[in-house]
C-alpha atoms as a PDB file:
ATOM      1  CA  MET A   1       0.644 -12.906  -4.569  1.00  0.00           C
ATOM      2  CA  PRO A   2       1.421 -16.451  -5.809  1.00  0.00           C
ATOM      3  CA  PRO A   3      -1.028 -16.262  -8.760  1.00  0.00           C
ATOM      4  CA  ALA A   4       0.178 -12.727  -9.559  1.00  0.00           C
ATOM      5  CA  THR A   5       3.812 -13.889  -9.540  1.00  0.00           C
ATOM      6  CA  GLY A   6       2.930 -16.874 -11.750  1.00  0.00           C
ATOM      7  CA  ILE A   7       1.078 -14.656 -14.210  1.00  0.00           C
ATOM      8  CA  LYS A   8       4.041 -12.287 -14.420  1.00  0.00           C
ATOM      9  CA  ALA A   9       6.454 -15.186 -14.912  1.00  0.00           C
ATOM     10  CA  ALA A  10       4.326 -16.614 -17.722  1.00  0.00           C
ATOM     11  CA  ASN A  11       3.975 -13.252 -19.452  1.00  0.00           C
ATOM     12  CA  PRO A  12       6.397 -10.525 -18.287  1.00  0.00           C
ATOM     13  CA  THR A  13       4.888  -8.074 -20.791  1.00  0.00           C
ATOM     14  CA  LEU A  14       1.693  -7.792 -18.716  1.00  0.00           C
ATOM     15  CA  THR A  15       1.039  -5.067 -16.151  1.00  0.00           C
ATOM     16  CA  VAL A  16       0.104  -7.092 -13.064  1.00  0.00           C
ATOM     17  CA  ILE A  17      -1.697  -5.593 -10.057  1.00  0.00           C
ATOM     18  CA  ALA A  18      -2.442  -7.661  -6.932  1.00  0.00           C
ATOM     19  CA  GLU A  19      -5.143  -6.142  -4.709  1.00  0.00           C
ATOM     20  CA  SER A  20      -6.252  -7.279  -1.286  1.00  0.00           C
ATOM     21  CA  GLY A  21      -7.022  -6.137   2.244  1.00  0.00           C
ATOM     22  CA  ASP A  22      -4.879  -5.898   5.362  1.00  0.00           C
ATOM     23  CA  GLY A  23      -6.287  -9.117   6.819  1.00  0.00           C
ATOM     24  CA  ASP A  24      -5.696 -11.185   3.708  1.00  0.00           C
ATOM     25  CA  MET A  25      -2.326  -9.740   2.659  1.00  0.00           C
ATOM     26  CA  TYR A  26      -0.695  -9.293   6.064  1.00  0.00           C
ATOM     27  CA  GLY A  27      -2.524 -12.060   7.953  1.00  0.00           C
ATOM     28  CA  GLU A  28      -3.394 -15.202   5.983  1.00  0.00           C
ATOM     29  CA  GLY A  29      -1.080 -14.121   3.171  1.00  0.00           C
ATOM     30  CA  GLY A  30       1.731 -12.774   5.339  1.00  0.00           C
ATOM     31  CA  ASN A  31       4.192 -15.439   4.237  1.00  0.00           C
ATOM     32  CA  HIS A  32       3.474 -14.723   0.568  1.00  0.00           C
ATOM     33  CA  PHE A  33       3.798 -10.984   1.234  1.00  0.00           C
ATOM     34  CA  ILE A  34       7.274 -11.391   2.744  1.00  0.00           C
ATOM     35  CA  HIS A  35       8.653 -13.667   0.040  1.00  0.00           C
ATOM     36  CA  ALA A  36       7.176 -11.643  -2.811  1.00  0.00           C
ATOM     37  CA  ILE A  37       9.260  -8.741  -1.533  1.00  0.00           C
ATOM     38  CA  ARG A  38      12.350 -10.970  -1.531  1.00  0.00           C
ATOM     39  CA  ARG A  39      11.698 -12.225  -5.087  1.00  0.00           C
ATOM     40  CA  ASN A  40      10.933  -8.737  -6.439  1.00  0.00           C
ATOM     41  CA  PRO A  41       8.484  -9.600  -9.239  1.00  0.00           C
ATOM     42  CA  ASP A  42       7.421  -6.630 -11.356  1.00  0.00           C
ATOM     43  CA  ILE A  43       4.027  -6.393  -9.634  1.00  0.00           C
ATOM     44  CA  THR A  44       2.072  -3.576  -8.031  1.00  0.00           C
ATOM     45  CA  ASN A  45       0.682  -4.727  -4.674  1.00  0.00           C
ATOM     46  CA  ILE A  46      -2.214  -2.525  -3.504  1.00  0.00           C
ATOM     47  CA  VAL A  47      -3.417  -3.237   0.033  1.00  0.00           C
ATOM     48  CA  HIS A  48      -6.662  -1.677   1.293  1.00  0.00           C
ATOM     49  CA  ASN A  49      -5.838  -1.210   4.963  1.00  0.00           C
ATOM     50  CA  ASN A  50      -8.897  -0.525   7.132  1.00  0.00           C
ATOM     51  CA  MET A  51      -7.407  -2.015  10.328  1.00  0.00           C
ATOM     52  CA  VAL A  52     -10.222  -4.559  10.692  1.00  0.00           C
ATOM     53  CA  TYR A  53     -11.662  -7.686   9.055  1.00  0.00           C
ATOM     54  CA  GLY A  54     -14.498  -5.864   7.324  1.00  0.00           C
ATOM     55  CA  LEU A  55     -15.799  -8.775   5.217  1.00  0.00           C
ATOM     56  CA  THR A  56     -16.234 -11.101   8.188  1.00  0.00           C
ATOM     57  CA  LYS A  57     -17.973  -8.623  10.496  1.00  0.00           C
ATOM     58  CA  GLY A  58     -15.351  -6.836  12.450  1.00  0.00           C
ATOM     59  CA  GLN A  59     -12.679  -9.056  13.967  1.00  0.00           C
ATOM     60  CA  ALA A  60      -9.301  -7.482  14.658  1.00  0.00           C
ATOM     61  CA  SER A  61      -6.867  -7.668  11.752  1.00  0.00           C
ATOM     62  CA  PRO A  62      -3.044  -7.640  11.880  1.00  0.00           C
ATOM     63  CA  THR A  63      -3.064  -3.827  11.593  1.00  0.00           C
ATOM     64  CA  SER A  64      -5.712  -3.138  14.261  1.00  0.00           C
ATOM     65  CA  GLU A  65      -4.589  -0.622  16.873  1.00  0.00           C
ATOM     66  CA  THR A  66      -3.701  -1.797  20.389  1.00  0.00           C
ATOM     67  CA  GLY A  67      -6.800  -1.545  22.593  1.00  0.00           C
ATOM     68  CA  PHE A  68      -9.233  -1.852  19.640  1.00  0.00           C
ATOM     69  CA  LYS A  69     -12.348  -3.696  20.887  1.00  0.00           C
ATOM     70  CA  THR A  70     -14.335  -6.088  18.690  1.00  0.00           C
ATOM     71  CA  PRO A  71     -16.990  -8.795  19.262  1.00  0.00           C
ATOM     72  CA  ILE A  72     -14.079 -11.274  19.448  1.00  0.00           C
ATOM     73  CA  GLN A  73     -11.443  -9.130  21.175  1.00  0.00           C
ATOM     74  CA  VAL A  74     -13.886  -7.948  23.844  1.00  0.00           C
ATOM     75  CA  ASN A  75     -11.145  -6.645  26.146  1.00  0.00           C
ATOM     76  CA  GLY A  76      -9.280  -4.961  23.327  1.00  0.00           C
ATOM     77  CA  VAL A  77      -6.369  -5.957  21.090  1.00  0.00           C
ATOM     78  CA  THR A  78      -3.239  -6.645  23.129  1.00  0.00           C
ATOM     79  CA  LEU A  79      -0.743  -6.937  20.254  1.00  0.00           C
ATOM     80  CA  ASN A  80       1.165  -4.138  18.571  1.00  0.00           C
ATOM     81  CA  PRO A  81      -0.144  -3.605  15.019  1.00  0.00           C
ATOM     82  CA  PHE A  82       1.743  -5.181  12.139  1.00  0.00           C
ATOM     83  CA  ASN A  83       3.754  -2.511  10.298  1.00  0.00           C
ATOM     84  CA  PRO A  84       3.891  -3.416   6.587  1.00  0.00           C
ATOM     85  CA  ILE A  85       5.899  -0.327   5.670  1.00  0.00           C
ATOM     86  CA  SER A  86       8.755  -1.050   8.076  1.00  0.00           C
ATOM     87  CA  ILE A  87       8.720  -4.759   7.146  1.00  0.00           C
ATOM     88  CA  ALA A  88       8.938  -3.928   3.436  1.00  0.00           C
ATOM     89  CA  ILE A  89      11.789  -1.454   3.942  1.00  0.00           C
ATOM     90  CA  ALA A  90      13.645  -3.876   6.225  1.00  0.00           C
ATOM     91  CA  LEU A  91      13.450  -6.476   3.426  1.00  0.00           C
ATOM     92  CA  ASP A  92      14.680  -3.888   0.898  1.00  0.00           C
ATOM     93  CA  ALA A  93      11.489  -3.834  -1.166  1.00  0.00           C
ATOM     94  CA  SER A  94      12.130  -1.922  -4.371  1.00  0.00           C
ATOM     95  CA  PHE A  95       9.157   0.485  -3.938  1.00  0.00           C
ATOM     96  CA  VAL A  96       7.307   1.270  -0.695  1.00  0.00           C
ATOM     97  CA  ALA A  97       4.485   3.798  -0.362  1.00  0.00           C
ATOM     98  CA  ARG A  98       1.433   4.638   1.721  1.00  0.00           C
ATOM     99  CA  ALA A  99      -1.671   6.584   0.731  1.00  0.00           C
ATOM    100  CA  PHE A 100      -5.081   7.610   2.110  1.00  0.00           C
ATOM    101  CA  ALA A 101      -8.338   6.804   0.307  1.00  0.00           C
ATOM    102  CA  GLY A 102      -9.781  10.150   1.372  1.00  0.00           C
ATOM    103  CA  ASP A 103      -7.184  11.969  -0.749  1.00  0.00           C
ATOM    104  CA  VAL A 104      -8.067  10.741  -4.228  1.00  0.00           C
ATOM    105  CA  LYS A 105      -5.708  12.980  -6.209  1.00  0.00           C
ATOM    106  CA  GLU A 106      -2.640  12.175  -4.101  1.00  0.00           C
ATOM    107  CA  THR A 107      -3.483   8.466  -3.992  1.00  0.00           C
ATOM    108  CA  LYS A 108      -3.880   8.341  -7.771  1.00  0.00           C
ATOM    109  CA  GLU A 109      -0.394   9.787  -8.268  1.00  0.00           C
ATOM    110  CA  ILE A 110       1.176   7.336  -5.821  1.00  0.00           C
ATOM    111  CA  VAL A 111      -0.516   4.340  -7.465  1.00  0.00           C
ATOM    112  CA  LYS A 112       0.501   5.578 -10.924  1.00  0.00           C
ATOM    113  CA  LYS A 113       4.164   5.794  -9.880  1.00  0.00           C
ATOM    114  CA  ALA A 114       3.936   2.325  -8.329  1.00  0.00           C
ATOM    115  CA  ILE A 115       2.618   0.836 -11.575  1.00  0.00           C
ATOM    116  CA  GLN A 116       5.354   2.573 -13.572  1.00  0.00           C
ATOM    117  CA  HIS A 117       8.049   1.197 -11.246  1.00  0.00           C
ATOM    118  CA  LYS A 118      10.050  -1.822 -12.456  1.00  0.00           C
ATOM    119  CA  GLY A 119       9.889  -4.351  -9.626  1.00  0.00           C
ATOM    120  CA  TYR A 120       7.742  -5.129  -6.587  1.00  0.00           C
ATOM    121  CA  ALA A 121       5.801  -2.051  -5.472  1.00  0.00           C
ATOM    122  CA  LEU A 122       3.799  -1.913  -2.236  1.00  0.00           C
ATOM    123  CA  VAL A 123       1.069   0.693  -1.843  1.00  0.00           C
ATOM    124  CA  ASP A 124      -0.573   0.445   1.579  1.00  0.00           C
ATOM    125  CA  ILE A 125      -3.790   2.506   1.447  1.00  0.00           C
ATOM    126  CA  PHE A 126      -5.483   3.699   4.623  1.00  0.00           C
ATOM    127  CA  GLN A 127      -9.137   3.066   3.813  1.00  0.00           C
ATOM    128  CA  PRO A 128     -11.701   3.401   6.637  1.00  0.00           C
ATOM    129  CA  CYS A 129     -14.279   0.655   7.160  1.00  0.00           C
ATOM    130  CA  VAL A 130     -17.435   2.653   7.892  1.00  0.00           C
ATOM    131  CA  SER A 131     -19.357  -0.463   9.002  1.00  0.00           C
ATOM    132  CA  PHE A 132     -17.097  -2.176  11.543  1.00  0.00           C
ATOM    133  CA  ASN A 133     -14.341   0.260  12.519  1.00  0.00           C
ATOM    134  CA  LYS A 134     -15.791   3.258  14.324  1.00  0.00           C
ATOM    135  CA  ILE A 135     -12.383   4.340  15.662  1.00  0.00           C
ATOM    136  CA  ASN A 136     -10.183   4.742  12.579  1.00  0.00           C
ATOM    137  CA  THR A 137     -12.615   6.935  10.654  1.00  0.00           C
ATOM    138  CA  TYR A 138     -11.955   9.480   7.893  1.00  0.00           C
ATOM    139  CA  ASP A 139     -11.727  12.200  10.529  1.00  0.00           C
ATOM    140  CA  TRP A 140      -9.333  10.098  12.630  1.00  0.00           C
ATOM    141  CA  PHE A 141      -7.002   9.603   9.680  1.00  0.00           C
ATOM    142  CA  LYS A 142      -7.081  13.278   8.750  1.00  0.00           C
ATOM    143  CA  GLU A 143      -5.883  14.096  12.267  1.00  0.00           C
ATOM    144  CA  HIS A 144      -3.172  11.402  12.318  1.00  0.00           C
ATOM    145  CA  ILE A 145      -1.523  11.644   8.878  1.00  0.00           C
ATOM    146  CA  TYR A 146       0.862  13.958   7.077  1.00  0.00           C
ATOM    147  CA  TYR A 147       2.677  13.874   3.739  1.00  0.00           C
ATOM    148  CA  LEU A 148       6.420  13.492   3.328  1.00  0.00           C
ATOM    149  CA  ASP A 149       7.750  16.812   2.012  1.00  0.00           C
ATOM    150  CA  SER A 150       9.055  17.403  -1.509  1.00  0.00           C
ATOM    151  CA  GLY A 151      12.675  17.419  -0.310  1.00  0.00           C
ATOM    152  CA  TYR A 152      12.474  13.932   1.152  1.00  0.00           C
ATOM    153  CA  ASP A 153      15.048  11.513  -0.342  1.00  0.00           C
ATOM    154  CA  VAL A 154      13.296   8.281  -1.390  1.00  0.00           C
ATOM    155  CA  THR A 155      16.633   6.500  -1.896  1.00  0.00           C
ATOM    156  CA  GLY A 156      17.638   6.714   1.782  1.00  0.00           C
ATOM    157  CA  ARG A 157      16.717   3.390   3.335  1.00  0.00           C
ATOM    158  CA  ILE A 158      17.699   4.254   6.921  1.00  0.00           C
ATOM    159  CA  GLU A 159      15.664   7.465   6.919  1.00  0.00           C
ATOM    160  CA  ALA A 160      12.770   5.625   5.276  1.00  0.00           C
ATOM    161  CA  PHE A 161      12.771   3.074   8.084  1.00  0.00           C
ATOM    162  CA  LYS A 162      12.795   5.847  10.688  1.00  0.00           C
ATOM    163  CA  LYS A 163       9.752   7.402   9.017  1.00  0.00           C
ATOM    164  CA  SER A 164       8.000   4.040   8.863  1.00  0.00           C
ATOM    165  CA  ILE A 165       8.005   3.596  12.649  1.00  0.00           C
ATOM    166  CA  GLU A 166       6.635   7.039  13.523  1.00  0.00           C
ATOM    167  CA  GLN A 167       3.503   6.705  15.658  1.00  0.00           C
ATOM    168  CA  ASN A 168       1.963  10.054  16.614  1.00  0.00           C
ATOM    169  CA  LYS A 169       1.580  11.188  13.006  1.00  0.00           C
ATOM    170  CA  LEU A 170       1.627   8.601  10.228  1.00  0.00           C
ATOM    171  CA  PRO A 171       3.552   9.632   7.090  1.00  0.00           C
ATOM    172  CA  LEU A 172       2.049   9.281   3.619  1.00  0.00           C
ATOM    173  CA  GLY A 173       3.793   9.229   0.260  1.00  0.00           C
ATOM    174  CA  ILE A 174       6.648   7.255  -1.261  1.00  0.00           C
ATOM    175  CA  PHE A 175       8.986   6.097   1.510  1.00  0.00           C
ATOM    176  CA  TYR A 176      11.613   4.205  -0.434  1.00  0.00           C
ATOM    177  CA  ILE A 177      12.705   3.259  -3.955  1.00  0.00           C
ATOM    178  CA  ASN A 178      15.529   0.919  -4.940  1.00  0.00           C
ATOM    179  CA  LYS A 179      16.029   0.832  -8.714  1.00  0.00           C
ATOM    180  CA  ASN A 180      19.119  -1.370  -8.557  1.00  0.00           C
ATOM    181  CA  LYS A 181      17.389  -4.691  -7.912  1.00  0.00           C
ATOM    182  CA  LYS A 182      16.780  -7.221 -10.684  1.00  0.00           C
ATOM    183  CA  THR A 183      13.207  -8.430 -10.950  1.00  0.00           C
ATOM    184  CA  PHE A 184      12.068 -11.997 -10.406  1.00  0.00           C
ATOM    185  CA  GLU A 185      11.514 -12.403 -14.151  1.00  0.00           C
ATOM    186  CA  GLN A 186      14.971 -11.078 -15.030  1.00  0.00           C
ATOM    187  CA  ASN A 187      16.520 -13.691 -12.753  1.00  0.00           C
ATOM    188  CA  LEU A 188      14.677 -16.596 -14.395  1.00  0.00           C
ATOM    189  CA  ASN A 189      17.003 -18.703 -16.564  1.00  0.00           C
ATOM    190  CA  THR A 190      14.226 -19.302 -19.049  1.00  0.00           C
ATOM    191  CA  TYR A 191      14.330 -15.622 -20.103  1.00  0.00           C
ATOM    192  CA  LYS A 192      18.106 -15.319 -20.290  1.00  0.00           C
ATOM    193  CA  GLN A 193      18.217 -17.138 -23.625  1.00  0.00           C
ATOM    194  CA  ASN A 194      14.711 -16.534 -24.940  1.00  0.00           C
ATOM    195  CA  ASN A 195      12.655 -13.360 -24.439  1.00  0.00           C
ATOM    196  CA  ASN A 196       9.378 -14.864 -25.658  1.00  0.00           C
ATOM    197  CA  PRO A 197       6.758 -15.171 -22.888  1.00  0.00           C
ATOM    198  CA  LEU A 198       6.239 -18.729 -21.650  1.00  0.00           C
ATOM    199  CA  TYR A 199       2.633 -18.855 -22.812  1.00  0.00           C
ATOM    200  CA  GLN A 200       3.764 -18.329 -26.421  1.00  0.00           C
ATOM    201  CA  ARG A 201       6.248 -21.197 -26.444  1.00  0.00           C
ATOM    202  CA  LYS A 202       5.525 -24.655 -27.817  1.00  0.00           C
ATOM    203  CA  ILE A 203       5.345 -27.496 -25.340  1.00  0.00           C
ATOM    204  CA  LYS A 204       8.112 -30.066 -25.888  1.00  0.00           C
ATOM    205  CA  LYS A 205       6.499 -33.306 -24.792  1.00  0.00           C
ATOM    206  CA  ASP A 206       9.736 -35.304 -24.872  1.00  0.00           C
ATOM    207  CA  LYS A 207      11.278 -32.997 -22.255  1.00  0.00           C
ATOM    208  CA  ILE A 208       8.181 -33.231 -20.051  1.00  0.00           C
ATOM    209  CA  VAL A 209       8.276 -37.046 -20.225  1.00  0.00           C
ATOM    210  CA  LYS A 210      11.980 -37.013 -19.373  1.00  0.00           C
ATOM    211  CA  LEU A 211      11.346 -34.721 -16.405  1.00  0.00           C
ATOM    212  CA  ILE A 212       8.517 -36.916 -15.092  1.00  0.00           C
ATOM    213  CA  ASN A 213      10.613 -40.066 -15.425  1.00  0.00           C
ATOM    214  CA  LEU A 214      13.716 -38.681 -13.700  1.00  0.00           C
ATOM    215  CA  ASN A 215      13.029 -40.464 -10.432  1.00  0.00           C
ATOM    216  CA  LYS A 216      11.932 -43.771 -11.935  1.00  0.00           C
END
């Protein structure tokens, strides 16, 4: 998220997509995840959530289910899984959605709407790890998911939060949209007087020298 935010700040005209897994984004990068939501950069954040550390041979990730056994958590995970959807809604993220990799058509439409959204957009994608997670398989997800119906109001934050904490069946679709938040780039003073992207501007060496020498 930090490089993606920097790229967007340097050139707001770019379409920026930050992709990662549940371990990286919600574990090691959890702090960046939270504060990216608060800043609201115009970035699409796609998280491939397989509920396990697949690249490092099967340790429990932040989203692993309670009781999930691994070579490290031999007696099973004791913590409740991290809920990125409820966290994002609680922080008033401007776009929050969840999809399933097994439903390509539906996932494509959700990702497309996320990219078209102006502001931070989270798309948490349930994506089974066929090598190290033998519990949360494609069949498991098909039995434990459902789609929000067409009459669902994506502007209702309270209802969105209620949906986000459902456990027996996990909702898919767009949970919440807030179009009234300014983006990180719109709040930057440097773009309030000059719309040209930073990378196109000439470096003023005298100002850099002055800045460096401020504390001398």
